[in-house]
PDB file of all heavy atoms in Angstrom:
ATOM      1  N   THR A   1      14.175   4.682 -11.649  1.00  0.00           N
ATOM      2  CA  THR A   1      14.413   3.365 -11.015  1.00  0.00           C
ATOM      3  C   THR A   1      14.152   3.349  -9.524  1.00  0.00           C
ATOM      4  O   THR A   1      13.620   2.372  -9.027  1.00  0.00           O
ATOM      5  CB  THR A   1      15.878   2.946 -11.280  1.00  0.00           C
ATOM      6  OG1 THR A   1      16.720   3.996 -10.846  1.00  0.00           O
ATOM      7  CG2 THR A   1      16.113   2.631 -12.730  1.00  0.00           C
ATOM      8  N   SER A   2      14.515   4.390  -8.801  1.00  0.00           N
ATOM      9  CA  SER A   2      14.486   4.332  -7.319  1.00  0.00           C
ATOM     10  C   SER A   2      13.027   4.310  -6.818  1.00  0.00           C
ATOM     11  O   SER A   2      12.198   5.121  -7.259  1.00  0.00           O
ATOM     12  CB  SER A   2      15.182   5.537  -6.732  1.00  0.00           C
ATOM     13  OG  SER A   2      16.558   5.535  -7.133  1.00  0.00           O
ATOM     14  N   HIS A   3      12.759   3.392  -5.902  1.00  0.00           N
ATOM     15  CA  HIS A   3      11.450   3.292  -5.276  1.00  0.00           C
ATOM     16  C   HIS A   3      11.525   2.404  -4.051  1.00  0.00           C
ATOM     17  O   HIS A   3      12.565   1.815  -3.776  1.00  0.00           O
ATOM     18  CB  HIS A   3      10.429   2.687  -6.278  1.00  0.00           C
ATOM     19  CG  HIS A   3      10.738   1.296  -6.725  1.00  0.00           C
ATOM     20  ND1 HIS A   3      11.708   1.012  -7.694  1.00  0.00           N
ATOM     21  CD2 HIS A   3      10.238   0.091  -6.346  1.00  0.00           C
ATOM     22  CE1 HIS A   3      11.766  -0.290  -7.872  1.00  0.00           C
ATOM     23  NE2 HIS A   3      10.889  -0.888  -7.060  1.00  0.00           N
ATOM     24  N   VAL A   4      10.444   2.388  -3.307  1.00  0.00           N
ATOM     25  CA  VAL A   4      10.334   1.462  -2.156  1.00  0.00           C
ATOM     26  C   VAL A   4       9.267   0.445  -2.507  1.00  0.00           C
ATOM     27  O   VAL A   4       8.129   0.794  -2.866  1.00  0.00           O
ATOM     28  CB  VAL A   4       9.977   2.205  -0.855  1.00  0.00           C
ATOM     29  CG1 VAL A   4       9.658   1.223   0.232  1.00  0.00           C
ATOM     30  CG2 VAL A   4      11.096   3.148  -0.448  1.00  0.00           C
ATOM     31  N   LEU A   5       9.651  -0.821  -2.466  1.00  0.00           N
ATOM     32  CA  LEU A   5       8.715  -1.920  -2.735  1.00  0.00           C
ATOM     33  C   LEU A   5       8.155  -2.377  -1.385  1.00  0.00           C
ATOM     34  O   LEU A   5       8.900  -2.736  -0.472  1.00  0.00           O
ATOM     35  CB  LEU A   5       9.464  -3.074  -3.418  1.00  0.00           C
ATOM     36  CG  LEU A   5       8.628  -4.245  -3.886  1.00  0.00           C
ATOM     37  CD1 LEU A   5       7.631  -3.868  -4.940  1.00  0.00           C
ATOM     38  CD2 LEU A   5       9.563  -5.320  -4.414  1.00  0.00           C
ATOM     39  N   VAL A   6       6.807  -2.305  -1.265  1.00  0.00           N
ATOM     40  CA  VAL A   6       6.146  -2.776  -0.039  1.00  0.00           C
ATOM     41  C   VAL A   6       5.943  -4.251  -0.147  1.00  0.00           C
ATOM     42  O   VAL A   6       5.280  -4.739  -1.054  1.00  0.00           O
ATOM     43  CB  VAL A   6       4.827  -2.032   0.168  1.00  0.00           C
ATOM     44  CG1 VAL A   6       4.175  -2.471   1.509  1.00  0.00           C
ATOM     45  CG2 VAL A   6       4.986  -0.545   0.142  1.00  0.00           C
ATOM     46  N   GLN A   7       6.559  -5.022   0.790  1.00  0.00           N
ATOM     47  CA  GLN A   7       6.515  -6.484   0.715  1.00  0.00           C
ATOM     48  C   GLN A   7       5.360  -7.042   1.535  1.00  0.00           C
ATOM     49  O   GLN A   7       5.554  -7.769   2.507  1.00  0.00           O
ATOM     50  CB  GLN A   7       7.856  -7.047   1.136  1.00  0.00           C
ATOM     51  CG  GLN A   7       8.968  -6.635   0.158  1.00  0.00           C
ATOM     52  CD  GLN A   7      10.334  -7.067   0.596  1.00  0.00           C
ATOM     53  OE1 GLN A   7      10.770  -6.826   1.691  1.00  0.00           O
ATOM     54  NE2 GLN A   7      11.056  -7.736  -0.316  1.00  0.00           N
ATOM     55  N   ALA A   8       4.137  -6.651   1.146  1.00  0.00           N
ATOM     56  CA  ALA A   8       2.937  -7.128   1.806  1.00  0.00           C
ATOM     57  C   ALA A   8       1.782  -7.051   0.794  1.00  0.00           C
ATOM     58  O   ALA A   8       1.816  -6.281  -0.139  1.00  0.00           O
ATOM     59  CB  ALA A   8       2.620  -6.272   3.013  1.00  0.00           C
ATOM     60  N   GLN A   9       0.776  -7.897   1.029  1.00  0.00           N
ATOM     61  CA  GLN A   9      -0.407  -7.883   0.172  1.00  0.00           C
ATOM     62  C   GLN A   9      -1.602  -8.235   1.022  1.00  0.00           C
ATOM     63  O   GLN A   9      -1.474  -8.924   2.005  1.00  0.00           O
ATOM     64  CB  GLN A   9      -0.289  -8.942  -0.963  1.00  0.00           C
ATOM     65  CG  GLN A   9       0.843  -8.679  -1.921  1.00  0.00           C
ATOM     66  CD  GLN A   9       0.843  -9.681  -3.063  1.00  0.00           C
ATOM     67  OE1 GLN A   9       0.307 -10.767  -2.952  1.00  0.00           O
ATOM     68  NE2 GLN A   9       1.437  -9.276  -4.182  1.00  0.00           N
ATOM     69  N   PRO A  10      -2.811  -7.771   0.597  1.00  0.00           N
ATOM     70  CA  PRO A  10      -3.995  -8.241   1.304  1.00  0.00           C
ATOM     71  C   PRO A  10      -4.220  -9.727   1.029  1.00  0.00           C
ATOM     72  O   PRO A  10      -3.805 -10.261  -0.009  1.00  0.00           O
ATOM     73  CB  PRO A  10      -5.139  -7.407   0.699  1.00  0.00           C
ATOM     74  CG  PRO A  10      -4.573  -6.917  -0.609  1.00  0.00           C
ATOM     75  CD  PRO A  10      -3.111  -6.838  -0.472  1.00  0.00           C
ATOM     76  N   GLY A  11      -4.869 -10.405   1.958  1.00  0.00           N
ATOM     77  CA  GLY A  11      -5.092 -11.846   1.794  1.00  0.00           C
ATOM     78  C   GLY A  11      -6.193 -12.142   0.793  1.00  0.00           C
ATOM     79  O   GLY A  11      -6.259 -13.268   0.265  1.00  0.00           O
ATOM     80  N   GLN A  12      -7.060 -11.197   0.481  1.00  0.00           N
ATOM     81  CA  GLN A  12      -8.159 -11.413  -0.430  1.00  0.00           C
ATOM     82  C   GLN A  12      -8.520 -10.080  -1.106  1.00  0.00           C
ATOM     83  O   GLN A  12      -8.096  -9.040  -0.633  1.00  0.00           O
ATOM     84  CB  GLN A  12      -9.364 -11.973   0.316  1.00  0.00           C
ATOM     85  CG  GLN A  12      -9.818 -11.102   1.447  1.00  0.00           C
ATOM     86  CD  GLN A  12     -10.742 -11.867   2.407  1.00  0.00           C
ATOM     87  OE1 GLN A  12     -10.555 -13.051   2.633  1.00  0.00           O
ATOM     88  NE2 GLN A  12     -11.708 -11.193   2.934  1.00  0.00           N
ATOM     89  N   PRO A  13      -9.306 -10.113  -2.202  1.00  0.00           N
ATOM     90  CA  PRO A  13      -9.683  -8.863  -2.843  1.00  0.00           C
ATOM     91  C   PRO A  13     -10.368  -7.904  -1.867  1.00  0.00           C
ATOM     92  O   PRO A  13     -11.045  -8.328  -0.958  1.00  0.00           O
ATOM     93  CB  PRO A  13     -10.642  -9.308  -3.944  1.00  0.00           C
ATOM     94  CG  PRO A  13     -10.233 -10.714  -4.251  1.00  0.00           C
ATOM     95  CD  PRO A  13      -9.793 -11.303  -2.938  1.00  0.00           C
ATOM     96  N   LEU A  14     -10.168  -6.609  -2.105  1.00  0.00           N
ATOM     97  CA  LEU A  14     -10.654  -5.564  -1.163  1.00  0.00           C
ATOM     98  C   LEU A  14     -11.959  -4.973  -1.637  1.00  0.00           C
ATOM     99  O   LEU A  14     -12.077  -4.552  -2.793  1.00  0.00           O
ATOM    100  CB  LEU A  14      -9.595  -4.466  -1.030  1.00  0.00           C
ATOM    101  CG  LEU A  14      -8.234  -4.900  -0.501  1.00  0.00           C
ATOM    102  CD1 LEU A  14      -7.240  -3.726  -0.571  1.00  0.00           C
ATOM    103  CD2 LEU A  14      -8.338  -5.395   0.895  1.00  0.00           C
ATOM    104  N   GLN A  15     -12.922  -4.872  -0.720  1.00  0.00           N
ATOM    105  CA  GLN A  15     -14.163  -4.167  -0.992  1.00  0.00           C
ATOM    106  C   GLN A  15     -14.240  -2.874  -0.211  1.00  0.00           C
ATOM    107  O   GLN A  15     -15.115  -2.048  -0.417  1.00  0.00           O
ATOM    108  CB  GLN A  15     -15.344  -5.067  -0.707  1.00  0.00           C
ATOM    109  CG  GLN A  15     -15.284  -6.312  -1.575  1.00  0.00           C
ATOM    110  CD  GLN A  15     -16.567  -7.125  -1.527  1.00  0.00           C
ATOM    111  OE1 GLN A  15     -17.655  -6.561  -1.654  1.00  0.00           O
ATOM    112  NE2 GLN A  15     -16.444  -8.423  -1.352  1.00  0.00           N
ATOM    113  N   ASN A  16     -13.297  -2.680   0.704  1.00  0.00           N
ATOM    114  CA  ASN A  16     -13.126  -1.414   1.407  1.00  0.00           C
ATOM    115  C   ASN A  16     -11.619  -1.215   1.597  1.00  0.00           C
ATOM    116  O   ASN A  16     -10.910  -2.198   1.800  1.00  0.00           O
ATOM    117  CB  ASN A  16     -13.765  -1.478   2.837  1.00  0.00           C
ATOM    118  CG  ASN A  16     -15.236  -1.783   2.779  1.00  0.00           C
ATOM    119  OD1 ASN A  16     -16.047  -0.923   2.419  1.00  0.00           O
ATOM    120  ND2 ASN A  16     -15.575  -3.021   3.063  1.00  0.00           N
ATOM    121  N   LEU A  17     -11.190   0.034   1.608  1.00  0.00           N
ATOM    122  CA  LEU A  17      -9.774   0.261   1.935  1.00  0.00           C
ATOM    123  C   LEU A  17      -9.603   1.693   2.403  1.00  0.00           C
ATOM    124  O   LEU A  17     -10.387   2.563   2.075  1.00  0.00           O
ATOM    125  CB  LEU A  17      -8.893  -0.054   0.736  1.00  0.00           C
ATOM    126  CG  LEU A  17      -9.008   0.796  -0.524  1.00  0.00           C
ATOM    127  CD1 LEU A  17      -8.079   1.990  -0.494  1.00  0.00           C
ATOM    128  CD2 LEU A  17      -8.669  -0.031  -1.766  1.00  0.00           C
ATOM    129  N   THR A  18      -8.557   1.870   3.183  1.00  0.00           N
ATOM    130  CA  THR A  18      -8.084   3.230   3.520  1.00  0.00           C
ATOM    131  C   THR A  18      -6.571   3.228   3.385  1.00  0.00           C
ATOM    132  O   THR A  18      -5.893   2.283   3.783  1.00  0.00           O
ATOM    133  CB  THR A  18      -8.444   3.613   4.963  1.00  0.00           C
ATOM    134  OG1 THR A  18      -9.859   3.486   5.162  1.00  0.00           O
ATOM    135  CG2 THR A  18      -8.029   5.044   5.288  1.00  0.00           C
ATOM    136  N   LEU A  19      -6.069   4.322   2.801  1.00  0.00           N
ATOM    137  CA  LEU A  19      -4.640   4.508   2.603  1.00  0.00           C
ATOM    138  C   LEU A  19      -4.283   5.835   3.274  1.00  0.00           C
ATOM    139  O   LEU A  19      -4.953   6.849   3.071  1.00  0.00           O
ATOM    140  CB  LEU A  19      -4.354   4.598   1.082  1.00  0.00           C
ATOM    141  CG  LEU A  19      -2.998   5.120   0.675  1.00  0.00           C
ATOM    142  CD1 LEU A  19      -1.912   4.143   1.079  1.00  0.00           C
ATOM    143  CD2 LEU A  19      -2.980   5.370  -0.826  1.00  0.00           C
ATOM    144  N   CYS A  20      -3.198   5.830   4.076  1.00  0.00           N
ATOM    145  CA  CYS A  20      -2.716   7.055   4.684  1.00  0.00           C
ATOM    146  C   CYS A  20      -1.198   7.147   4.508  1.00  0.00           C
ATOM    147  O   CYS A  20      -0.504   6.134   4.561  1.00  0.00           O
ATOM    148  CB  CYS A  20      -2.988   7.091   6.203  1.00  0.00           C
ATOM    149  SG  CYS A  20      -4.717   7.164   6.689  1.00  0.00           S
ATOM    150  N   LEU A  21      -0.692   8.383   4.338  1.00  0.00           N
ATOM    151  CA  LEU A  21       0.753   8.607   4.350  1.00  0.00           C
ATOM    152  C   LEU A  21       1.033  10.080   4.566  1.00  0.00           C
ATOM    153  O   LEU A  21       0.177  10.938   4.392  1.00  0.00           O
ATOM    154  CB  LEU A  21       1.415   8.084   3.072  1.00  0.00           C
ATOM    155  CG  LEU A  21       0.973   8.622   1.706  1.00  0.00           C
ATOM    156  CD1 LEU A  21       1.544   9.986   1.389  1.00  0.00           C
ATOM    157  CD2 LEU A  21       1.410   7.659   0.612  1.00  0.00           C
ATOM    158  N   ARG A  22       2.289  10.353   4.925  1.00  0.00           N
ATOM    159  CA  ARG A  22       2.751  11.732   5.065  1.00  0.00           C
ATOM    160  C   ARG A  22       3.866  11.954   4.052  1.00  0.00           C
ATOM    161  O   ARG A  22       4.712  11.099   3.832  1.00  0.00           O
ATOM    162  CB  ARG A  22       3.330  11.898   6.501  1.00  0.00           C
ATOM    163  CG  ARG A  22       3.736  13.329   6.849  1.00  0.00           C
ATOM    164  CD  ARG A  22       4.259  13.447   8.263  1.00  0.00           C
ATOM    165  NE  ARG A  22       3.232  13.189   9.278  1.00  0.00           N
ATOM    166  CZ  ARG A  22       2.322  14.061   9.654  1.00  0.00           C
ATOM    167  NH1 ARG A  22       2.222  15.246   9.090  1.00  0.00           N
ATOM    168  NH2 ARG A  22       1.424  13.744  10.570  1.00  0.00           N
ATOM    169  N   SER A  23       3.822  13.116   3.411  1.00  0.00           N
ATOM    170  CA  SER A  23       4.874  13.411   2.417  1.00  0.00           C
ATOM    171  C   SER A  23       5.321  14.870   2.592  1.00  0.00           C
ATOM    172  O   SER A  23       4.597  15.718   3.091  1.00  0.00           O
ATOM    173  CB  SER A  23       4.377  13.185   0.981  1.00  0.00           C
ATOM    174  OG  SER A  23       3.353  14.133   0.662  1.00  0.00           O
ATOM    175  N   TYR A  24       6.512  15.121   2.087  1.00  0.00           N
ATOM    176  CA  TYR A  24       7.118  16.443   2.194  1.00  0.00           C
ATOM    177  C   TYR A  24       7.940  16.637   0.933  1.00  0.00           C
ATOM    178  O   TYR A  24       8.893  15.876   0.661  1.00  0.00           O
ATOM    179  CB  TYR A  24       8.041  16.474   3.459  1.00  0.00           C
ATOM    180  CG  TYR A  24       8.675  17.811   3.719  1.00  0.00           C
ATOM    181  CD1 TYR A  24       7.981  18.996   3.574  1.00  0.00           C
ATOM    182  CD2 TYR A  24      10.003  17.866   4.200  1.00  0.00           C
ATOM    183  CE1 TYR A  24       8.590  20.205   3.856  1.00  0.00           C
ATOM    184  CE2 TYR A  24      10.596  19.068   4.501  1.00  0.00           C
ATOM    185  CZ  TYR A  24       9.893  20.247   4.304  1.00  0.00           C
ATOM    186  OH  TYR A  24      10.457  21.448   4.604  1.00  0.00           O
TER     187      TYR A  24
END
């Protein structure tokens, strides 16, 4: 059950994207 919901969305469909994050 536990998660973080990101309350944002792109305004239109994506034809390019980059995702970055740090994890441990």
